[in-house]
């Protein structure tokens, strides 16, 4: 292991694969125009009853002439494409040795692959009469490990399953690995696939058929390295990761999302020496139902500065109603929005990204690279 370094973690490039299309440019265009990417998708479970969802349009899923591709599920193929989009931004190379480049990826895994494999084990003549080539897709780390193999990334490869905050957890874990000298460059982000199996599971979590919000697929990846490493490789940082905070809360013990998020953001600002008045943009998670009110209440208290006019306007972006609920990819999309809100250049002022779901909250603070 290399010595621990004090180098600041920075983001030097990013790309997205979203219901707005392929690449960072398509994401920025969808963000600028406010285009609602949620569409009607034909359902096999409920014939004649289309489901609203945010699907990656016209996605290229072909990898002709390569062995083992037939068995790849949609999540893995989307992640391969997403990784390729980011590497294309870099001219096909991260500028480091394969052993020094890794990946941190958050996802809930492919619900369809897991359920299909389980179904086959019951439906076939004997439980072991299943296609062994499809077994790897049932593991949550299939997408990231396949991507690392495909693109020759031989450094640390980590998969996180942390719910809606997955994208923010990936940034924090990447910063930790960089600080420990475990890697020089990391592809960090999150992704999900759309499937009717995922719709059924989300409906069950939300109280019944048709109760879950429209789901989205795709994801976003960010190239993370230290500021010193970026300078050595001739890359200009887009943002510095000032810090991140994560908290759990229990309603049966008197906890609330608003209280947990307020504590999370207050600690984050205090520990990083950031004045709330300096934050020009907040990218909130806009959770469904009363949680949205709790998120808004916590942020309102954070920005209720002494002497400020009550209800003073503050720029805020929310994505869920435009593209659907991205699951683990939701906060990765939010981070992409933070970086793409004002074009493709570096951040000019601090940006706060928050994530709220039942039982968990998170916050990440991005700052200009001149910090």
Protein backbone atom coordinates (compact mmCIF):
# COMPACT_ATOMS: atom_id res chain seq x y z
CA UNK A 1 0.00 0.00 0.00
CA UNK A 2 1.27 3.47 -0.85
CA UNK A 3 1.67 6.06 1.93
CA UNK A 4 -1.45 8.00 2.89
CA UNK A 5 -1.57 11.29 0.99
CA UNK A 6 -3.13 14.60 1.94
CA UNK A 7 -4.06 15.30 -1.69
CA UNK A 8 -7.53 16.74 -2.16
CA UNK A 9 -9.95 14.50 -4.11
CA UNK A 10 -11.11 16.24 -7.28
CA UNK A 11 -13.42 15.40 -10.17
CA UNK A 12 -11.73 15.96 -13.53
CA UNK A 13 -14.25 14.45 -15.96
CA UNK A 14 -17.71 12.91 -15.98
CA UNK A 15 -20.27 11.36 -18.25
CA UNK A 16 -23.84 10.16 -17.97
CA UNK A 17 -26.17 7.65 -19.56
CA UNK A 18 -29.68 8.82 -18.81
CA UNK A 19 -33.24 9.06 -20.14
CA UNK A 20 -31.96 12.27 -21.77
CA UNK A 21 -29.49 10.28 -23.89
CA UNK A 22 -25.85 9.24 -24.05
CA UNK A 23 -23.08 11.43 -22.72
CA UNK A 24 -22.58 14.56 -20.66
CA UNK A 25 -23.72 16.86 -23.50
CA UNK A 26 -27.11 15.13 -23.74
CA UNK A 27 -27.48 15.33 -19.97
CA UNK A 28 -26.68 19.04 -19.91
CA UNK A 29 -29.14 19.68 -22.74
CA UNK A 30 -31.93 17.87 -20.91
CA UNK A 31 -31.08 19.77 -17.76
CA UNK A 32 -31.07 23.15 -19.54
CA UNK A 33 -34.32 22.61 -21.42
CA UNK A 34 -36.19 21.06 -18.51
CA UNK A 35 -37.28 18.23 -20.81
CA UNK A 36 -39.36 15.60 -19.02
CA UNK A 37 -37.91 12.28 -20.08
CA UNK A 38 -40.51 10.03 -18.41
CA UNK A 39 -42.45 8.15 -21.08
CA UNK A 40 -44.97 5.31 -21.35
CA UNK A 41 -43.45 1.83 -21.57
CA UNK A 42 -45.39 -1.25 -22.70
CA UNK A 43 -45.93 -3.72 -19.88
CA UNK A 44 -45.81 -7.51 -20.12
CA UNK A 45 -47.13 -8.05 -16.61
CA UNK A 46 -50.13 -5.81 -17.19
CA UNK A 47 -51.04 -5.99 -20.92
CA UNK A 48 -52.78 -2.87 -22.13
CA UNK A 49 -51.59 -0.87 -19.10
CA UNK A 50 -48.42 1.07 -20.03
CA UNK A 51 -46.01 1.95 -17.22
CA UNK A 52 -44.39 5.38 -16.90
CA UNK A 53 -40.59 5.19 -16.75
CA UNK A 54 -37.41 6.99 -17.76
CA UNK A 55 -35.69 4.73 -20.29
CA UNK A 56 -32.33 5.38 -21.95
CA UNK A 57 -33.37 6.12 -25.56
CA UNK A 58 -31.87 4.18 -28.46
CA UNK A 59 -29.18 2.66 -26.28
CA UNK A 60 -26.47 0.73 -28.13
CA UNK A 61 -26.31 -2.70 -26.56
CA UNK A 62 -24.33 -4.59 -29.23
CA UNK A 63 -20.80 -5.83 -28.68
CA UNK A 64 -20.34 -7.96 -31.77
CA UNK A 65 -17.62 -10.57 -32.02
CA UNK A 66 -16.91 -10.84 -28.30
CA UNK A 67 -17.37 -14.06 -26.38
CA UNK A 68 -19.58 -14.07 -23.30
CA UNK A 69 -21.64 -11.02 -24.30
CA UNK A 70 -24.85 -12.94 -24.93
CA UNK A 71 -25.28 -13.66 -21.22
CA UNK A 72 -24.79 -10.05 -20.05
CA UNK A 73 -27.87 -8.49 -18.52
CA UNK A 74 -29.09 -4.98 -19.25
CA UNK A 75 -27.50 -3.44 -16.15
CA UNK A 76 -24.06 -4.77 -17.10
CA UNK A 77 -24.40 -3.60 -20.69
CA UNK A 78 -25.52 -0.15 -19.59
CA UNK A 79 -22.54 0.05 -17.22
CA UNK A 80 -20.14 -1.03 -19.96
CA UNK A 81 -21.52 1.70 -22.19
CA UNK A 82 -21.40 4.28 -19.41
CA UNK A 83 -17.77 3.40 -18.59
CA UNK A 84 -16.90 3.67 -22.27
CA UNK A 85 -18.52 7.10 -22.52
CA UNK A 86 -16.34 8.40 -19.68
CA UNK A 87 -13.18 6.86 -21.08
CA UNK A 88 -14.00 8.35 -24.49
CA UNK A 89 -14.01 11.77 -22.80
CA UNK A 90 -10.38 11.02 -21.86
CA UNK A 91 -9.32 9.81 -25.27
CA UNK A 92 -9.51 6.19 -24.22
CA UNK A 93 -6.97 6.32 -21.39
CA UNK A 94 -6.87 7.55 -17.80
CA UNK A 95 -3.16 8.28 -18.04
CA UNK A 96 -2.17 5.76 -15.37
CA UNK A 97 -1.05 2.17 -15.23
CA UNK A 98 -3.91 -0.39 -15.19
CA UNK A 99 -3.03 -1.37 -11.61
CA UNK A 100 -3.45 2.26 -10.51
CA UNK A 101 -6.93 2.73 -11.99
CA UNK A 102 -10.01 1.30 -10.29
CA UNK A 103 -13.76 1.63 -10.05
CA UNK A 104 -16.27 2.34 -7.29
CA UNK A 105 -19.84 1.68 -8.38
CA UNK A 106 -23.15 1.77 -6.54
CA UNK A 107 -26.16 -0.23 -7.68
CA UNK A 108 -28.94 -2.41 -6.33
CA UNK A 109 -28.05 -5.05 -8.91
CA UNK A 110 -30.26 -6.58 -11.56
CA UNK A 111 -33.59 -7.61 -10.06
CA UNK A 112 -34.51 -9.29 -13.33
CA UNK A 113 -31.37 -11.45 -13.41
CA UNK A 114 -31.84 -12.59 -9.82
CA UNK A 115 -35.53 -13.38 -10.18
CA UNK A 116 -35.12 -15.07 -13.58
CA UNK A 117 -32.35 -17.30 -12.25
CA UNK A 118 -34.37 -18.21 -9.17
CA UNK A 119 -37.45 -18.93 -11.30
CA UNK A 120 -35.41 -21.19 -13.61
CA UNK A 121 -34.16 -23.19 -10.64
CA UNK A 122 -37.79 -24.07 -9.82
CA UNK A 123 -39.20 -24.31 -13.34
CA UNK A 124 -36.58 -26.53 -14.98
CA UNK A 125 -36.60 -30.32 -14.68
CA UNK A 126 -34.14 -30.22 -11.81
CA UNK A 127 -32.93 -27.31 -9.69
CA UNK A 128 -29.46 -27.48 -11.22
CA UNK A 129 -30.77 -27.30 -14.82
CA UNK A 130 -30.04 -23.59 -15.14
CA UNK A 131 -27.77 -21.65 -17.47
CA UNK A 132 -24.50 -21.25 -15.50
CA UNK A 133 -23.42 -18.38 -17.77
CA UNK A 134 -26.21 -16.28 -16.28
CA UNK A 135 -25.26 -16.84 -12.66
CA UNK A 136 -22.64 -14.02 -12.46
CA UNK A 137 -25.35 -11.49 -13.36
CA UNK A 138 -27.18 -12.32 -10.14
CA UNK A 139 -24.34 -10.75 -8.12
CA UNK A 140 -24.49 -7.01 -7.44
CA UNK A 141 -20.83 -6.54 -8.40
CA UNK A 142 -21.23 -8.04 -11.88
CA UNK A 143 -21.59 -4.68 -13.66
CA UNK A 144 -18.49 -3.08 -12.15
CA UNK A 145 -16.30 -6.16 -12.36
CA UNK A 146 -17.23 -6.78 -16.00
CA UNK A 147 -16.48 -3.15 -16.80
CA UNK A 148 -13.09 -3.39 -15.12
CA UNK A 149 -12.23 -6.52 -17.09
CA UNK A 150 -13.51 -5.02 -20.35
CA UNK A 151 -11.49 -1.82 -20.05
CA UNK A 152 -8.46 -3.22 -18.25
CA UNK A 153 -8.94 -1.46 -14.91
CA UNK A 154 -6.84 -3.54 -12.52
CA UNK A 155 -6.99 -1.33 -9.43
CA UNK A 156 -9.53 -1.57 -6.58
CA UNK A 157 -13.02 -2.55 -7.68
CA UNK A 158 -15.78 -1.86 -5.16
CA UNK A 159 -19.55 -2.26 -5.42
CA UNK A 160 -21.82 -0.49 -2.95
CA UNK A 161 -25.50 -1.15 -2.26
CA UNK A 162 -26.60 1.92 -0.35
CA UNK A 163 -30.00 2.88 -1.70
CA UNK A 164 -30.68 6.32 -3.11
CA UNK A 165 -27.47 7.71 -1.62
CA UNK A 166 -25.39 5.19 -3.56
CA UNK A 167 -23.89 7.74 -5.92
CA UNK A 168 -22.74 9.91 -3.00
CA UNK A 169 -21.39 6.89 -1.14
CA UNK A 170 -19.33 6.04 -4.23
CA UNK A 171 -17.74 9.51 -4.23
CA UNK A 172 -16.91 9.23 -0.53
CA UNK A 173 -15.43 5.74 -0.93
CA UNK A 174 -13.36 6.88 -3.91
CA UNK A 175 -12.01 9.81 -1.87
CA UNK A 176 -11.10 7.37 0.90
CA UNK A 177 -9.23 5.04 -1.48
CA UNK A 178 -7.36 7.94 -3.03
CA UNK A 179 -6.40 9.25 0.39
CA UNK A 180 -5.06 5.83 1.40
CA UNK A 181 -2.98 5.60 -1.76
CA UNK A 182 -4.89 2.54 -2.95
CA UNK A 183 -5.33 4.01 -6.43
CA UNK A 184 -4.33 7.04 -8.48
CA UNK A 185 -7.49 7.31 -10.58
CA UNK A 186 -10.98 5.97 -9.92
CA UNK A 187 -14.17 5.80 -11.94
CA UNK A 188 -16.81 6.50 -9.29
CA UNK A 189 -20.57 6.61 -9.73
CA UNK A 190 -23.76 4.59 -9.82
CA UNK A 191 -26.23 2.97 -12.20
CA UNK A 192 -29.47 1.03 -12.45
CA UNK A 193 -31.44 -0.79 -15.12
CA UNK A 194 -35.16 -0.61 -15.82
CA UNK A 195 -37.13 -3.84 -15.68
CA UNK A 196 -40.67 -4.79 -14.77
CA UNK A 197 -39.24 -6.93 -11.99
CA UNK A 198 -37.84 -3.76 -10.44
CA UNK A 199 -41.23 -2.08 -10.85
CA UNK A 200 -42.91 -4.93 -8.98
CA UNK A 201 -40.37 -4.77 -6.15
CA UNK A 202 -40.67 -0.98 -5.84
CA UNK A 203 -44.47 -1.21 -5.85
CA UNK A 204 -44.28 -3.73 -3.01
CA UNK A 205 -42.05 -1.36 -1.04
CA UNK A 206 -44.45 1.54 -1.61
CA UNK A 207 -47.65 -0.23 -0.64
CA UNK A 208 -49.03 -1.96 -3.72
CA UNK A 209 -49.38 -1.99 -7.53
CA UNK A 210 -48.95 1.40 -9.14
CA UNK A 211 -47.77 3.07 -5.93
CA UNK A 212 -44.08 3.46 -6.75
CA UNK A 213 -42.92 6.61 -8.57
CA UNK A 214 -41.83 6.23 -12.22
CA UNK A 215 -38.46 4.49 -12.34
CA UNK A 216 -35.42 5.64 -14.28
CA UNK A 217 -32.40 3.75 -15.59
CA UNK A 218 -28.86 4.64 -16.56
CA UNK A 219 -26.26 6.31 -14.38
CA UNK A 220 -23.36 8.70 -14.11
CA UNK A 221 -19.62 8.18 -13.63
CA UNK A 222 -17.00 10.65 -12.42
CA UNK A 223 -13.24 10.52 -12.83
CA UNK A 224 -11.70 11.11 -9.42
CA UNK A 225 -8.04 11.69 -8.58
CA UNK A 226 -6.01 13.90 -6.29
CA UNK A 227 -5.40 17.52 -7.26
CA UNK A 228 -1.68 16.80 -7.46
CA UNK A 229 -2.24 13.77 -9.67
CA UNK A 230 -4.55 15.69 -11.98
CA UNK A 231 -1.94 18.43 -12.40
CA UNK A 232 0.74 15.85 -13.18
CA UNK A 233 -1.46 14.30 -15.85
CA UNK A 234 -2.42 17.66 -17.35
CA UNK A 235 -6.10 17.55 -16.39
CA UNK A 236 -8.06 20.55 -15.12
CA UNK A 237 -10.28 19.76 -12.10
CA UNK A 238 -13.97 20.55 -12.42
CA UNK A 239 -14.69 20.40 -8.70
CA UNK A 240 -13.12 19.45 -5.41
CA UNK A 241 -14.94 17.10 -3.04
CA UNK A 242 -14.96 19.18 0.15
CA UNK A 243 -16.69 16.53 2.22
CA UNK A 244 -19.59 14.13 2.70
CA UNK A 245 -21.85 13.06 5.55
CA UNK A 246 -24.28 10.15 5.98
CA UNK A 247 -26.78 9.50 8.78
CA UNK A 248 -29.47 7.00 9.67
CA UNK A 249 -32.61 7.84 11.65
CA UNK A 250 -35.36 5.83 13.34
CA UNK A 251 -38.87 7.24 13.56
CA UNK A 252 -39.83 4.82 16.31
CA UNK A 253 -37.07 6.41 18.37
CA UNK A 254 -38.20 9.93 17.68
CA UNK A 255 -35.97 10.54 14.66
CA UNK A 256 -36.99 12.28 11.45
CA UNK A 257 -35.56 12.86 7.99
CA UNK A 258 -35.63 16.62 8.56
CA UNK A 259 -33.68 16.39 11.82
CA UNK A 260 -31.14 13.92 10.42
CA UNK A 261 -30.53 15.97 7.28
CA UNK A 262 -30.22 19.20 9.24
CA UNK A 263 -27.57 17.59 11.46
CA UNK A 264 -25.87 16.07 8.42
CA UNK A 265 -25.58 19.34 6.51
CA UNK A 266 -24.74 21.44 9.59
CA UNK A 267 -21.87 19.10 10.49
CA UNK A 268 -20.68 19.08 6.89
CA UNK A 269 -20.60 22.87 6.64
CA UNK A 270 -18.92 23.19 10.03
CA UNK A 271 -16.25 20.57 9.37
CA UNK A 272 -15.37 22.05 5.97
CA UNK A 273 -15.47 25.67 7.15
CA UNK A 274 -18.16 26.56 4.61
CA UNK A 275 -20.66 29.37 5.13
CA UNK A 276 -24.17 28.47 4.00
CA UNK A 277 -24.35 31.91 2.38
CA UNK A 278 -21.61 30.86 -0.07
CA UNK A 279 -23.62 27.95 -1.49
CA UNK A 280 -25.23 29.07 -4.73
CA UNK A 281 -26.93 25.82 -5.75
CA UNK A 282 -28.59 22.91 -3.98
CA UNK A 283 -29.43 19.73 -5.89
CA UNK A 284 -32.06 18.00 -3.77
CA UNK A 285 -33.39 14.48 -4.07
CA UNK A 286 -37.10 15.37 -4.18
CA UNK A 287 -38.27 12.11 -2.55
CA UNK A 288 -41.87 11.00 -2.90
CA UNK A 289 -44.53 12.01 -0.37
CA UNK A 290 -43.92 13.71 2.99
CA UNK A 291 -40.17 13.10 2.78
CA UNK A 292 -39.94 15.92 0.23
CA UNK A 293 -41.39 18.32 2.80
CA UNK A 294 -38.87 17.15 5.39
CA UNK A 295 -35.98 17.68 2.99
CA UNK A 296 -37.25 21.16 2.13
CA UNK A 297 -37.74 22.02 5.82
CA UNK A 298 -34.19 20.99 6.72
CA UNK A 299 -32.68 23.00 3.86
CA UNK A 300 -34.81 26.01 4.70
CA UNK A 301 -33.41 25.98 8.23
CA UNK A 302 -29.85 25.58 6.96
CA UNK A 303 -30.18 28.64 4.76
CA UNK A 304 -32.16 30.77 7.22
CA UNK A 305 -29.18 33.04 7.80
CA UNK A 306 -29.37 35.86 10.32
CA UNK A 307 -30.32 39.05 8.53
CA UNK A 308 -31.47 37.27 5.38
CA UNK A 309 -34.92 38.01 4.08
CA UNK A 310 -37.38 35.23 4.91
CA UNK A 311 -37.88 32.97 1.93
CA UNK A 312 -35.00 34.57 0.03
CA UNK A 313 -34.68 32.89 -3.37
CA UNK A 314 -31.96 30.26 -3.65
CA UNK A 315 -31.24 28.24 -6.75
CA UNK A 316 -32.37 24.66 -6.45
CA UNK A 317 -32.56 21.74 -8.87
CA UNK A 318 -34.68 18.61 -8.51
CA UNK A 319 -34.55 15.86 -11.14
CA UNK A 320 -36.91 13.07 -10.11
CA UNK A 321 -40.05 14.53 -11.69
CA UNK A 322 -38.16 14.99 -14.98
CA UNK A 323 -36.51 11.59 -15.41
CA UNK A 324 -37.96 9.26 -12.78
CA UNK A 325 -36.53 7.63 -9.67
CA UNK A 326 -33.04 6.37 -10.42
CA UNK A 327 -32.56 4.26 -7.28
CA UNK A 328 -28.83 4.07 -6.57
CA UNK A 329 -28.23 6.23 -9.65
CA UNK A 330 -30.43 9.05 -8.32
CA UNK A 331 -27.69 10.85 -6.38
CA UNK A 332 -25.21 10.22 -9.21
CA UNK A 333 -27.60 12.03 -11.55
CA UNK A 334 -27.83 14.81 -8.95
CA UNK A 335 -24.03 15.13 -8.88
CA UNK A 336 -24.00 15.28 -12.67
CA UNK A 337 -26.58 18.07 -12.48
CA UNK A 338 -24.38 19.95 -10.00
CA UNK A 339 -21.46 19.79 -12.43
CA UNK A 340 -23.50 20.46 -15.56
CA UNK A 341 -25.82 23.20 -14.33
CA UNK A 342 -23.63 26.01 -15.69
CA UNK A 343 -22.04 24.49 -18.77
CA UNK A 344 -19.03 22.22 -18.95
CA UNK A 345 -16.49 24.29 -17.05
CA UNK A 346 -15.27 24.11 -13.43
CA UNK A 347 -17.57 25.02 -10.55
CA UNK A 348 -17.43 28.68 -9.58
CA UNK A 349 -19.02 28.35 -6.12
CA UNK A 350 -19.90 25.59 -3.63
CA UNK A 351 -22.78 23.24 -4.47
CA UNK A 352 -24.68 21.07 -2.00
CA UNK A 353 -26.15 17.71 -3.02
CA UNK A 354 -28.62 16.04 -0.64
CA UNK A 355 -30.29 12.64 -0.57
CA UNK A 356 -33.27 11.66 1.59
CA UNK A 357 -35.07 8.34 1.85
CA UNK A 358 -36.84 6.50 4.61
CA UNK A 359 -34.26 5.73 7.28
CA UNK A 360 -31.23 7.38 5.62
CA UNK A 361 -29.97 10.80 4.59
CA UNK A 362 -26.79 12.02 2.95
CA UNK A 363 -25.08 15.21 1.84
CA UNK A 364 -22.05 15.98 -0.31
CA UNK A 365 -20.41 19.37 -0.71
CA UNK A 366 -18.59 20.17 -3.94
CA UNK A 367 -16.44 23.26 -4.25
CA UNK A 368 -14.61 25.12 -7.01
CA UNK A 369 -11.17 23.70 -7.83
CA UNK A 370 -9.60 26.97 -6.71
CA UNK A 371 -10.42 26.09 -3.06
